[in-house]
PDB file of N, CA and C in Angstrom:
ATOM      1  N   MET A   1    -103.086  36.406 -53.285  1.00  0.00           N
ATOM      2  CA  MET A   1    -101.645  36.357 -53.276  1.00  0.00           C
ATOM      3  C   MET A   1    -101.083  37.379 -52.287  1.00  0.00           C
ATOM      4  N   LYS A   2    -101.580  38.637 -52.341  1.00  0.00           N
ATOM      5  CA  LYS A   2    -101.100  39.670 -51.435  1.00  0.00           C
ATOM      6  C   LYS A   2    -101.467  39.348 -49.990  1.00  0.00           C
ATOM      7  N   VAL A   3    -102.635  38.778 -49.779  1.00  0.00           N
ATOM      8  CA  VAL A   3    -103.080  38.415 -48.438  1.00  0.00           C
ATOM      9  C   VAL A   3    -102.166  37.333 -47.869  1.00  0.00           C
ATOM     10  N   THR A   4    -101.801  36.371 -48.693  1.00  0.00           N
ATOM     11  CA  THR A   4    -100.908  35.297 -48.257  1.00  0.00           C
ATOM     12  C   THR A   4     -99.543  35.855 -47.871  1.00  0.00           C
ATOM     13  N   MET A   5     -99.027  36.756 -48.673  1.00  0.00           N
ATOM     14  CA  MET A   5     -97.726  37.360 -48.373  1.00  0.00           C
ATOM     15  C   MET A   5     -97.804  38.181 -47.086  1.00  0.00           C
ATOM     16  N   LEU A   6     -98.903  38.902 -46.911  1.00  0.00           N
ATOM     17  CA  LEU A   6     -99.089  39.702 -45.705  1.00  0.00           C
ATOM     18  C   LEU A   6     -99.155  38.810 -44.471  1.00  0.00           C
ATOM     19  N   LEU A   7     -99.874  37.696 -44.577  1.00  0.00           N
ATOM     20  CA  LEU A   7     -99.971  36.758 -43.465  1.00  0.00           C
ATOM     21  C   LEU A   7     -98.617  36.129 -43.142  1.00  0.00           C
ATOM     22  N   CYS A   8     -97.850  35.815 -44.159  1.00  0.00           N
ATOM     23  CA  CYS A   8     -96.504  35.265 -43.945  1.00  0.00           C
ATOM     24  C   CYS A   8     -95.611  36.282 -43.251  1.00  0.00           C
ATOM     25  N   LEU A   9     -95.668  37.528 -43.671  1.00  0.00           N
ATOM     26  CA  LEU A   9     -94.881  38.584 -43.046  1.00  0.00           C
ATOM     27  C   LEU A   9     -95.298  38.783 -41.595  1.00  0.00           C
ATOM     28  N   LEU A  10     -96.585  38.768 -41.342  1.00  0.00           N
ATOM     29  CA  LEU A  10     -97.098  38.909 -39.984  1.00  0.00           C
ATOM     30  C   LEU A  10     -96.647  37.744 -39.113  1.00  0.00           C
ATOM     31  N   ALA A  11     -96.716  36.534 -39.637  1.00  0.00           N
ATOM     32  CA  ALA A  11     -96.268  35.354 -38.887  1.00  0.00           C
ATOM     33  C   ALA A  11     -94.777  35.445 -38.583  1.00  0.00           C
ATOM     34  N   LEU A  12     -94.000  35.932 -39.519  1.00  0.00           N
ATOM     35  CA  LEU A  12     -92.565  36.100 -39.302  1.00  0.00           C
ATOM     36  C   LEU A  12     -92.294  37.116 -38.202  1.00  0.00           C
ATOM     37  N   LEU A  13     -92.994  38.225 -38.220  1.00  0.00           N
ATOM     38  CA  LEU A  13     -92.803  39.252 -37.196  1.00  0.00           C
ATOM     39  C   LEU A  13     -93.238  38.766 -35.820  1.00  0.00           C
ATOM     40  N   VAL A  14     -94.324  38.042 -35.745  1.00  0.00           N
ATOM     41  CA  VAL A  14     -94.794  37.505 -34.467  1.00  0.00           C
ATOM     42  C   VAL A  14     -93.804  36.479 -33.941  1.00  0.00           C
ATOM     43  N   GLY A  15     -93.233  35.687 -34.820  1.00  0.00           N
ATOM     44  CA  GLY A  15     -92.256  34.684 -34.413  1.00  0.00           C
ATOM     45  C   GLY A  15     -90.989  35.298 -33.857  1.00  0.00           C
ATOM     46  N   CYS A  16     -90.667  36.499 -34.256  1.00  0.00           N
ATOM     47  CA  CYS A  16     -89.470  37.175 -33.772  1.00  0.00           C
ATOM     48  C   CYS A  16     -89.714  37.946 -32.474  1.00  0.00           C
ATOM     49  N   ALA A  17     -90.949  38.107 -32.095  1.00  0.00           N
ATOM     50  CA  ALA A  17     -91.268  38.874 -30.888  1.00  0.00           C
ATOM     51  C   ALA A  17     -90.750  38.138 -29.662  1.00  0.00           C
ATOM     52  N   SER A  18     -90.346  38.902 -28.677  1.00  0.00           N
ATOM     53  CA  SER A  18     -89.804  38.315 -27.453  1.00  0.00           C
ATOM     54  C   SER A  18     -90.197  39.174 -26.271  1.00  0.00           C
ATOM     55  N   ASP A  19     -90.300  38.538 -25.105  1.00  0.00           N
ATOM     56  CA  ASP A  19     -90.609  39.303 -23.907  1.00  0.00           C
ATOM     57  C   ASP A  19     -89.348  39.812 -23.219  1.00  0.00           C
ATOM     58  N   LEU A  20     -88.175  39.437 -23.735  1.00  0.00           N
ATOM     59  CA  LEU A  20     -86.928  39.929 -23.161  1.00  0.00           C
ATOM     60  C   LEU A  20     -86.658  41.344 -23.672  1.00  0.00           C
ATOM     61  N   PRO A  21     -86.226  42.240 -22.809  1.00  0.00           N
ATOM     62  CA  PRO A  21     -85.953  43.605 -23.262  1.00  0.00           C
ATOM     63  C   PRO A  21     -84.721  43.646 -24.162  1.00  0.00           C
ATOM     64  N   PHE A  22     -84.718  44.575 -25.062  1.00  0.00           N
ATOM     65  CA  PHE A  22     -83.576  44.766 -25.953  1.00  0.00           C
ATOM     66  C   PHE A  22     -82.495  45.535 -25.214  1.00  0.00           C
ATOM     67  N   ARG A  23     -81.292  45.014 -25.238  1.00  0.00           N
ATOM     68  CA  ARG A  23     -80.175  45.677 -24.563  1.00  0.00           C
ATOM     69  C   ARG A  23     -79.084  45.987 -25.575  1.00  0.00           C
ATOM     70  N   THR A  24     -78.439  47.116 -25.385  1.00  0.00           N
ATOM     71  CA  THR A  24     -77.344  47.486 -26.268  1.00  0.00           C
ATOM     72  C   THR A  24     -75.993  47.229 -25.625  1.00  0.00           C
ATOM     73  N   SER A  25     -75.967  46.852 -24.350  1.00  0.00           N
ATOM     74  CA  SER A  25     -74.713  46.516 -23.679  1.00  0.00           C
ATOM     75  C   SER A  25     -74.969  45.386 -22.697  1.00  0.00           C
ATOM     76  N   PHE A  26     -73.898  44.703 -22.319  1.00  0.00           N
ATOM     77  CA  PHE A  26     -74.020  43.591 -21.386  1.00  0.00           C
ATOM     78  C   PHE A  26     -74.103  44.093 -19.964  1.00  0.00           C
ATOM     79  N   ASP A  27     -74.881  43.400 -19.154  1.00  0.00           N
ATOM     80  CA  ASP A  27     -74.977  43.642 -17.725  1.00  0.00           C
ATOM     81  C   ASP A  27     -74.265  42.482 -17.048  1.00  0.00           C
ATOM     82  N   SER A  28     -73.046  42.699 -16.608  1.00  0.00           N
ATOM     83  CA  SER A  28     -72.263  41.620 -16.008  1.00  0.00           C
ATOM     84  C   SER A  28     -72.302  41.666 -14.489  1.00  0.00           C
ATOM     85  N   SER A  29     -73.365  42.221 -13.930  1.00  0.00           N
ATOM     86  CA  SER A  29     -73.455  42.371 -12.483  1.00  0.00           C
ATOM     87  C   SER A  29     -73.558  41.031 -11.757  1.00  0.00           C
ATOM     88  N   ALA A  30     -73.898  39.950 -12.461  1.00  0.00           N
ATOM     89  CA  ALA A  30     -73.971  38.631 -11.835  1.00  0.00           C
ATOM     90  C   ALA A  30     -72.648  37.879 -11.941  1.00  0.00           C
ATOM     91  N   GLY A  31     -71.653  38.491 -12.553  1.00  0.00           N
ATOM     92  CA  GLY A  31     -70.345  37.855 -12.677  1.00  0.00           C
ATOM     93  C   GLY A  31     -69.911  37.756 -14.116  1.00  0.00           C
ATOM     94  N   THR A  32     -68.649  37.423 -14.285  1.00  0.00           N
ATOM     95  CA  THR A  32     -68.093  37.309 -15.629  1.00  0.00           C
ATOM     96  C   THR A  32     -66.970  36.289 -15.639  1.00  0.00           C
ATOM     97  N   ALA A  33     -66.754  35.712 -16.788  1.00  0.00           N
ATOM     98  CA  ALA A  33     -65.647  34.788 -17.006  1.00  0.00           C
ATOM     99  C   ALA A  33     -65.115  35.067 -18.403  1.00  0.00           C
ATOM    100  N   SER A  34     -63.857  34.722 -18.629  1.00  0.00           N
ATOM    101  CA  SER A  34     -63.295  34.953 -19.948  1.00  0.00           C
ATOM    102  C   SER A  34     -62.241  33.904 -20.263  1.00  0.00           C
ATOM    103  N   CYS A  35     -62.024  33.698 -21.545  1.00  0.00           N
ATOM    104  CA  CYS A  35     -60.989  32.768 -21.980  1.00  0.00           C
ATOM    105  C   CYS A  35     -60.579  33.087 -23.407  1.00  0.00           C
ATOM    106  N   VAL A  36     -59.418  32.569 -23.765  1.00  0.00           N
ATOM    107  CA  VAL A  36     -58.917  32.618 -25.135  1.00  0.00           C
ATOM    108  C   VAL A  36     -58.825  31.173 -25.602  1.00  0.00           C
ATOM    109  N   ILE A  37     -59.490  30.850 -26.696  1.00  0.00           N
ATOM    110  CA  ILE A  37     -59.485  29.491 -27.227  1.00  0.00           C
ATOM    111  C   ILE A  37     -58.211  29.297 -28.037  1.00  0.00           C
ATOM    112  N   LEU A  38     -57.437  28.302 -27.642  1.00  0.00           N
ATOM    113  CA  LEU A  38     -56.188  27.989 -28.324  1.00  0.00           C
ATOM    114  C   LEU A  38     -56.442  26.919 -29.387  1.00  0.00           C
ATOM    115  N   GLY A  39     -55.491  26.664 -30.217  1.00  0.00           N
ATOM    116  CA  GLY A  39     -55.669  25.728 -31.324  1.00  0.00           C
ATOM    117  C   GLY A  39     -55.290  24.299 -31.008  1.00  0.00           C
ATOM    118  N   ASP A  40     -55.285  23.934 -29.723  1.00  0.00           N
ATOM    119  CA  ASP A  40     -54.882  22.578 -29.352  1.00  0.00           C
ATOM    120  C   ASP A  40     -55.830  21.917 -28.354  1.00  0.00           C
ATOM    121  N   GLY A  41     -57.075  22.424 -28.274  1.00  0.00           N
ATOM    122  CA  GLY A  41     -58.041  21.850 -27.352  1.00  0.00           C
ATOM    123  C   GLY A  41     -57.983  22.459 -25.956  1.00  0.00           C
ATOM    124  N   PHE A  42     -57.162  23.483 -25.778  1.00  0.00           N
ATOM    125  CA  PHE A  42     -57.014  24.147 -24.494  1.00  0.00           C
ATOM    126  C   PHE A  42     -57.496  25.584 -24.604  1.00  0.00           C
ATOM    127  N   VAL A  43     -57.720  26.195 -23.440  1.00  0.00           N
ATOM    128  CA  VAL A  43     -58.036  27.617 -23.363  1.00  0.00           C
ATOM    129  C   VAL A  43     -57.101  28.258 -22.346  1.00  0.00           C
ATOM    130  N   ARG A  44     -56.924  29.545 -22.490  1.00  0.00           N
ATOM    131  CA  ARG A  44     -56.186  30.305 -21.484  1.00  0.00           C
ATOM    132  C   ARG A  44     -57.211  31.177 -20.782  1.00  0.00           C
ATOM    133  N   THR A  45     -57.301  31.013 -19.473  1.00  0.00           N
ATOM    134  CA  THR A  45     -58.211  31.811 -18.655  1.00  0.00           C
ATOM    135  C   THR A  45     -57.402  32.371 -17.504  1.00  0.00           C
ATOM    136  N   GLY A  46     -57.275  33.681 -17.492  1.00  0.00           N
ATOM    137  CA  GLY A  46     -56.376  34.301 -16.510  1.00  0.00           C
ATOM    138  C   GLY A  46     -54.956  33.844 -16.793  1.00  0.00           C
ATOM    139  N   ASP A  47     -54.294  33.321 -15.779  1.00  0.00           N
ATOM    140  CA  ASP A  47     -52.928  32.837 -15.983  1.00  0.00           C
ATOM    141  C   ASP A  47     -52.876  31.314 -16.102  1.00  0.00           C
ATOM    142  N   ARG A  48     -54.042  30.684 -16.258  1.00  0.00           N
ATOM    143  CA  ARG A  48     -54.106  29.223 -16.364  1.00  0.00           C
ATOM    144  C   ARG A  48     -54.328  28.789 -17.808  1.00  0.00           C
ATOM    145  N   ARG A  49     -53.731  27.667 -18.150  1.00  0.00           N
ATOM    146  CA  ARG A  49     -53.953  27.006 -19.442  1.00  0.00           C
ATOM    147  C   ARG A  49     -54.590  25.664 -19.120  1.00  0.00           C
ATOM    148  N   ILE A  50     -55.889  25.509 -19.468  1.00  0.00           N
ATOM    149  CA  ILE A  50     -56.623  24.304 -19.104  1.00  0.00           C
ATOM    150  C   ILE A  50     -57.359  23.759 -20.323  1.00  0.00           C
ATOM    151  N   PRO A  51     -57.724  22.471 -20.297  1.00  0.00           N
ATOM    152  CA  PRO A  51     -58.517  21.929 -21.413  1.00  0.00           C
ATOM    153  C   PRO A  51     -59.865  22.653 -21.530  1.00  0.00           C
ATOM    154  N   LEU A  52     -60.341  22.770 -22.755  1.00  0.00           N
ATOM    155  CA  LEU A  52     -61.632  23.425 -23.001  1.00  0.00           C
ATOM    156  C   LEU A  52     -62.737  22.764 -22.194  1.00  0.00           C
ATOM    157  N   GLU A  53     -62.732  21.442 -22.115  1.00  0.00           N
ATOM    158  CA  GLU A  53     -63.766  20.724 -21.366  1.00  0.00           C
ATOM    159  C   GLU A  53     -63.730  21.098 -19.887  1.00  0.00           C
ATOM    160  N   ALA A  54     -62.539  21.329 -19.340  1.00  0.00           N
ATOM    161  CA  ALA A  54     -62.431  21.740 -17.933  1.00  0.00           C
ATOM    162  C   ALA A  54     -63.021  23.130 -17.739  1.00  0.00           C
ATOM    163  N   PHE A  55     -62.800  24.030 -18.696  1.00  0.00           N
ATOM    164  CA  PHE A  55     -63.381  25.367 -18.625  1.00  0.00           C
ATOM    165  C   PHE A  55     -64.905  25.279 -18.673  1.00  0.00           C
ATOM    166  N   VAL A  56     -65.428  24.436 -19.569  1.00  0.00           N
ATOM    167  CA  VAL A  56     -66.883  24.260 -19.671  1.00  0.00           C
ATOM    168  C   VAL A  56     -67.430  23.708 -18.357  1.00  0.00           C
ATOM    169  N   LEU A  57     -66.731  22.756 -17.748  1.00  0.00           N
ATOM    170  CA  LEU A  57     -67.171  22.205 -16.465  1.00  0.00           C
ATOM    171  C   LEU A  57     -67.188  23.289 -15.390  1.00  0.00           C
ATOM    172  N   GLU A  58     -66.163  24.133 -15.344  1.00  0.00           N
ATOM    173  CA  GLU A  58     -66.146  25.244 -14.392  1.00  0.00           C
ATOM    174  C   GLU A  58     -67.325  26.177 -14.626  1.00  0.00           C
ATOM    175  N   MET A  59     -67.633  26.456 -15.886  1.00  0.00           N
ATOM    176  CA  MET A  59     -68.772  27.319 -16.204  1.00  0.00           C
ATOM    177  C   MET A  59     -70.078  26.665 -15.768  1.00  0.00           C
ATOM    178  N   ARG A  60     -70.209  25.353 -15.977  1.00  0.00           N
ATOM    179  CA  ARG A  60     -71.416  24.648 -15.536  1.00  0.00           C
ATOM    180  C   ARG A  60     -71.610  24.777 -14.033  1.00  0.00           C
ATOM    181  N   GLN A  61     -70.536  24.593 -13.280  1.00  0.00           N
ATOM    182  CA  GLN A  61     -70.627  24.681 -11.827  1.00  0.00           C
ATOM    183  C   GLN A  61     -70.964  26.103 -11.391  1.00  0.00           C
ATOM    184  N   THR A  62     -70.377  27.081 -12.030  1.00  0.00           N
ATOM    185  CA  THR A  62     -70.651  28.479 -11.708  1.00  0.00           C
ATOM    186  C   THR A  62     -72.087  28.838 -12.034  1.00  0.00           C
ATOM    187  N   VAL A  63     -72.532  28.485 -13.222  1.00  0.00           N
ATOM    188  CA  VAL A  63     -73.879  28.843 -13.682  1.00  0.00           C
ATOM    189  C   VAL A  63     -74.937  28.104 -12.880  1.00  0.00           C
ATOM    190  N   ARG A  64     -74.674  26.870 -12.542  1.00  0.00           N
ATOM    191  CA  ARG A  64     -75.650  26.080 -11.781  1.00  0.00           C
ATOM    192  C   ARG A  64     -75.961  26.728 -10.430  1.00  0.00           C
ATOM    193  N   ALA A  65     -74.985  27.438  -9.864  1.00  0.00           N
ATOM    194  CA  ALA A  65     -75.173  28.081  -8.565  1.00  0.00           C
ATOM    195  C   ALA A  65     -75.959  29.393  -8.668  1.00  0.00           C
ATOM    196  N   LEU A  66     -76.190  29.886  -9.879  1.00  0.00           N
ATOM    197  CA  LEU A  66     -76.877  31.159 -10.079  1.00  0.00           C
ATOM    198  C   LEU A  66     -78.387  30.962 -10.186  1.00  0.00           C
ATOM    199  N   SER A  67     -79.134  31.981  -9.784  1.00  0.00           N
ATOM    200  CA  SER A  67     -80.577  31.969 -10.026  1.00  0.00           C
ATOM    201  C   SER A  67     -80.816  32.217 -11.520  1.00  0.00           C
ATOM    202  N   LYS A  68     -82.042  31.996 -11.963  1.00  0.00           N
ATOM    203  CA  LYS A  68     -82.359  32.200 -13.378  1.00  0.00           C
ATOM    204  C   LYS A  68     -82.115  33.649 -13.787  1.00  0.00           C
ATOM    205  N   GLU A  69     -82.485  34.591 -12.927  1.00  0.00           N
ATOM    206  CA  GLU A  69     -82.278  36.004 -13.232  1.00  0.00           C
ATOM    207  C   GLU A  69     -80.786  36.338 -13.315  1.00  0.00           C
ATOM    208  N   ASP A  70     -80.001  35.791 -12.379  1.00  0.00           N
ATOM    209  CA  ASP A  70     -78.555  36.038 -12.409  1.00  0.00           C
ATOM    210  C   ASP A  70     -77.912  35.383 -13.624  1.00  0.00           C
ATOM    211  N   ARG A  71     -78.421  34.228 -14.014  1.00  0.00           N
ATOM    212  CA  ARG A  71     -77.875  33.536 -15.189  1.00  0.00           C
ATOM    213  C   ARG A  71     -78.006  34.400 -16.435  1.00  0.00           C
ATOM    214  N   LEU A  72     -79.092  35.171 -16.501  1.00  0.00           N
ATOM    215  CA  LEU A  72     -79.293  36.053 -17.651  1.00  0.00           C
ATOM    216  C   LEU A  72     -78.335  37.239 -17.627  1.00  0.00           C
ATOM    217  N   ARG A  73     -77.763  37.552 -16.455  1.00  0.00           N
ATOM    218  CA  ARG A  73     -76.831  38.676 -16.330  1.00  0.00           C
ATOM    219  C   ARG A  73     -75.379  38.233 -16.235  1.00  0.00           C
ATOM    220  N   PHE A  74     -75.129  36.942 -16.235  1.00  0.00           N
ATOM    221  CA  PHE A  74     -73.760  36.428 -16.193  1.00  0.00           C
ATOM    222  C   PHE A  74     -73.164  36.549 -17.594  1.00  0.00           C
ATOM    223  N   THR A  75     -71.936  37.011 -17.682  1.00  0.00           N
ATOM    224  CA  THR A  75     -71.306  37.257 -18.974  1.00  0.00           C
ATOM    225  C   THR A  75     -70.072  36.389 -19.144  1.00  0.00           C
ATOM    226  N   VAL A  76     -69.948  35.775 -20.307  1.00  0.00           N
ATOM    227  CA  VAL A  76     -68.746  35.026 -20.659  1.00  0.00           C
ATOM    228  C   VAL A  76     -68.170  35.669 -21.910  1.00  0.00           C
ATOM    229  N   ASP A  77     -66.941  36.114 -21.804  1.00  0.00           N
ATOM    230  CA  ASP A  77     -66.238  36.708 -22.944  1.00  0.00           C
ATOM    231  C   ASP A  77     -65.171  35.720 -23.404  1.00  0.00           C
ATOM    232  N   TRP A  78     -65.101  35.486 -24.698  1.00  0.00           N
ATOM    233  CA  TRP A  78     -64.069  34.611 -25.219  1.00  0.00           C
ATOM    234  C   TRP A  78     -63.671  35.079 -26.599  1.00  0.00           C
ATOM    235  N   ARG A  79     -62.516  34.623 -26.987  1.00  0.00           N
ATOM    236  CA  ARG A  79     -62.042  34.894 -28.342  1.00  0.00           C
ATOM    237  C   ARG A  79     -61.133  33.763 -28.767  1.00  0.00           C
ATOM    238  N   VAL A  80     -60.955  33.610 -30.037  1.00  0.00           N
ATOM    239  CA  VAL A  80     -60.036  32.619 -30.576  1.00  0.00           C
ATOM    240  C   VAL A  80     -58.675  33.291 -30.689  1.00  0.00           C
ATOM    241  N   SER A  81     -57.656  32.581 -30.279  1.00  0.00           N
ATOM    242  CA  SER A  81     -56.305  33.125 -30.333  1.00  0.00           C
ATOM    243  C   SER A  81     -55.947  33.526 -31.762  1.00  0.00           C
ATOM    244  N   PRO A  82     -55.364  34.698 -31.925  1.00  0.00           N
ATOM    245  CA  PRO A  82     -54.955  35.109 -33.267  1.00  0.00           C
ATOM    246  C   PRO A  82     -53.628  34.468 -33.692  1.00  0.00           C
ATOM    247  N   ASP A  83     -52.927  33.820 -32.768  1.00  0.00           N
ATOM    248  CA  ASP A  83     -51.606  33.251 -33.041  1.00  0.00           C
ATOM    249  C   ASP A  83     -51.672  31.740 -33.218  1.00  0.00           C
ATOM    250  N   LEU A  84     -52.380  31.290 -34.238  1.00  0.00           N
ATOM    251  CA  LEU A  84     -52.501  29.865 -34.488  1.00  0.00           C
ATOM    252  C   LEU A  84     -51.470  29.457 -35.548  1.00  0.00           C
ATOM    253  N   PRO A  85     -50.757  28.369 -35.300  1.00  0.00           N
ATOM    254  CA  PRO A  85     -49.629  28.033 -36.165  1.00  0.00           C
ATOM    255  C   PRO A  85     -49.985  27.526 -37.558  1.00  0.00           C
ATOM    256  N   ASP A  86     -51.133  26.857 -37.699  1.00  0.00           N
ATOM    257  CA  ASP A  86     -51.468  26.291 -39.007  1.00  0.00           C
ATOM    258  C   ASP A  86     -52.978  26.111 -39.138  1.00  0.00           C
ATOM    259  N   GLU A  87     -53.372  25.574 -40.288  1.00  0.00           N
ATOM    260  CA  GLU A  87     -54.801  25.415 -40.563  1.00  0.00           C
ATOM    261  C   GLU A  87     -55.448  24.372 -39.651  1.00  0.00           C
ATOM    262  N   ALA A  88     -54.718  23.342 -39.282  1.00  0.00           N
ATOM    263  CA  ALA A  88     -55.274  22.328 -38.371  1.00  0.00           C
ATOM    264  C   ALA A  88     -55.586  22.956 -37.015  1.00  0.00           C
ATOM    265  N   ALA A  89     -54.712  23.820 -36.529  1.00  0.00           N
ATOM    266  CA  ALA A  89     -54.955  24.506 -35.255  1.00  0.00           C
ATOM    267  C   ALA A  89     -56.139  25.459 -35.389  1.00  0.00           C
ATOM    268  N   ALA A  90     -56.239  26.135 -36.527  1.00  0.00           N
ATOM    269  CA  ALA A  90     -57.364  27.048 -36.754  1.00  0.00           C
ATOM    270  C   ALA A  90     -58.679  26.276 -36.784  1.00  0.00           C
ATOM    271  N   ARG A  91     -58.677  25.102 -37.389  1.00  0.00           N
ATOM    272  CA  ARG A  91     -59.883  24.276 -37.434  1.00  0.00           C
ATOM    273  C   ARG A  91     -60.252  23.797 -36.030  1.00  0.00           C
ATOM    274  N   MET A  92     -59.252  23.395 -35.246  1.00  0.00           N
ATOM    275  CA  MET A  92     -59.520  22.931 -33.884  1.00  0.00           C
ATOM    276  C   MET A  92     -60.044  24.084 -33.018  1.00  0.00           C
ATOM    277  N   ALA A  93     -59.487  25.276 -33.199  1.00  0.00           N
ATOM    278  CA  ALA A  93     -59.964  26.442 -32.448  1.00  0.00           C
ATOM    279  C   ALA A  93     -61.390  26.802 -32.855  1.00  0.00           C
ATOM    280  N   SER A  94     -61.691  26.703 -34.131  1.00  0.00           N
ATOM    281  CA  SER A  94     -63.055  26.983 -34.607  1.00  0.00           C
ATOM    282  C   SER A  94     -64.039  25.965 -34.030  1.00  0.00           C
ATOM    283  N   ASP A  95     -63.654  24.704 -34.014  1.00  0.00           N
ATOM    284  CA  ASP A  95     -64.507  23.677 -33.414  1.00  0.00           C
ATOM    285  C   ASP A  95     -64.704  23.952 -31.929  1.00  0.00           C
ATOM    286  N   GLY A  96     -63.632  24.374 -31.245  1.00  0.00           N
ATOM    287  CA  GLY A  96     -63.732  24.718 -29.827  1.00  0.00           C
ATOM    288  C   GLY A  96     -64.661  25.894 -29.597  1.00  0.00           C
ATOM    289  N   ASN A  97     -64.599  26.875 -30.475  1.00  0.00           N
ATOM    290  CA  ASN A  97     -65.482  28.037 -30.395  1.00  0.00           C
ATOM    291  C   ASN A  97     -66.939  27.602 -30.525  1.00  0.00           C
ATOM    292  N   ASN A  98     -67.228  26.761 -31.504  1.00  0.00           N
ATOM    293  CA  ASN A  98     -68.596  26.279 -31.702  1.00  0.00           C
ATOM    294  C   ASN A  98     -69.066  25.460 -30.504  1.00  0.00           C
ATOM    295  N   TYR A  99     -68.192  24.627 -29.971  1.00  0.00           N
ATOM    296  CA  TYR A  99     -68.527  23.807 -28.806  1.00  0.00           C
ATOM    297  C   TYR A  99     -68.844  24.686 -27.600  1.00  0.00           C
ATOM    298  N   LEU A 100     -68.017  25.688 -27.361  1.00  0.00           N
ATOM    299  CA  LEU A 100     -68.238  26.577 -26.227  1.00  0.00           C
ATOM    300  C   LEU A 100     -69.553  27.330 -26.367  1.00  0.00           C
ATOM    301  N   MET A 101     -69.846  27.843 -27.551  1.00  0.00           N
ATOM    302  CA  MET A 101     -71.111  28.554 -27.754  1.00  0.00           C
ATOM    303  C   MET A 101     -72.297  27.643 -27.502  1.00  0.00           C
ATOM    304  N   LEU A 102     -72.241  26.410 -27.982  1.00  0.00           N
ATOM    305  CA  LEU A 102     -73.332  25.466 -27.769  1.00  0.00           C
ATOM    306  C   LEU A 102     -73.504  25.167 -26.278  1.00  0.00           C
ATOM    307  N   GLN A 103     -72.410  24.934 -25.578  1.00  0.00           N
ATOM    308  CA  GLN A 103     -72.496  24.611 -24.157  1.00  0.00           C
ATOM    309  C   GLN A 103     -73.044  25.785 -23.346  1.00  0.00           C
ATOM    310  N   LEU A 104     -72.639  26.999 -23.673  1.00  0.00           N
ATOM    311  CA  LEU A 104     -73.166  28.173 -22.967  1.00  0.00           C
ATOM    312  C   LEU A 104     -74.656  28.339 -23.227  1.00  0.00           C
ATOM    313  N   GLN A 105     -75.075  28.048 -24.452  1.00  0.00           N
ATOM    314  CA  GLN A 105     -76.503  28.131 -24.772  1.00  0.00           C
ATOM    315  C   GLN A 105     -77.274  27.103 -23.951  1.00  0.00           C
ATOM    316  N   ILE A 106     -76.762  25.886 -23.864  1.00  0.00           N
ATOM    317  CA  ILE A 106     -77.417  24.838 -23.073  1.00  0.00           C
ATOM    318  C   ILE A 106     -77.499  25.249 -21.609  1.00  0.00           C
ATOM    319  N   MET A 107     -76.446  25.894 -21.090  1.00  0.00           N
ATOM    320  CA  MET A 107     -76.421  26.331 -19.683  1.00  0.00           C
ATOM    321  C   MET A 107     -77.381  27.466 -19.410  1.00  0.00           C
ATOM    322  N   GLY A 108     -77.804  28.173 -20.434  1.00  0.00           N
ATOM    323  CA  GLY A 108     -78.707  29.306 -20.241  1.00  0.00           C
ATOM    324  C   GLY A 108     -77.993  30.638 -20.132  1.00  0.00           C
ATOM    325  N   VAL A 109     -76.713  30.671 -20.459  1.00  0.00           N
ATOM    326  CA  VAL A 109     -75.967  31.936 -20.469  1.00  0.00           C
ATOM    327  C   VAL A 109     -76.380  32.689 -21.725  1.00  0.00           C
ATOM    328  N   ARG A 110     -76.864  33.904 -21.551  1.00  0.00           N
ATOM    329  CA  ARG A 110     -77.377  34.670 -22.689  1.00  0.00           C
ATOM    330  C   ARG A 110     -76.509  35.865 -23.049  1.00  0.00           C
ATOM    331  N   GLN A 111     -75.430  36.097 -22.305  1.00  0.00           N
ATOM    332  CA  GLN A 111     -74.550  37.217 -22.604  1.00  0.00           C
ATOM    333  C   GLN A 111     -73.145  36.672 -22.791  1.00  0.00           C
ATOM    334  N   GLY A 112     -72.617  36.894 -23.935  1.00  0.00           N
ATOM    335  CA  GLY A 112     -71.263  36.446 -24.211  1.00  0.00           C
ATOM    336  C   GLY A 112     -70.833  36.965 -25.558  1.00  0.00           C
ATOM    337  N   GLY A 113     -69.580  36.891 -25.795  1.00  0.00           N
ATOM    338  CA  GLY A 113     -69.155  37.384 -27.089  1.00  0.00           C
ATOM    339  C   GLY A 113     -67.721  37.116 -27.387  1.00  0.00           C
ATOM    340  N   LEU A 114     -67.467  37.279 -28.636  1.00  0.00           N
ATOM    341  CA  LEU A 114     -66.119  37.074 -29.148  1.00  0.00           C
ATOM    342  C   LEU A 114     -65.324  38.339 -29.055  1.00  0.00           C
TER     343      LEU A 114
END
């Protein structure tokens, strides 16, 4: 019983091992982008208000032009707007947040945050 538990713990620790170094801060030397997710399917990036899908497309084009090493250093900062009028807007913003995180993961962006 103890051997089985020890083997399970060892397997768990090995599964968590990674060859990527542990970082306590972001390295945005390859570039950065940011947006605020609104509750209506749009984001605000800089002084522009654009659909979330358009922002994702811009990120795809930007990331595609980067090398693999630069992609690991590219940073995307986003947050959900705190000024949402109702629960439907909050739900749409939450869905947008989840969509953006998934798309950034697919693109290979490893630095980002709320």
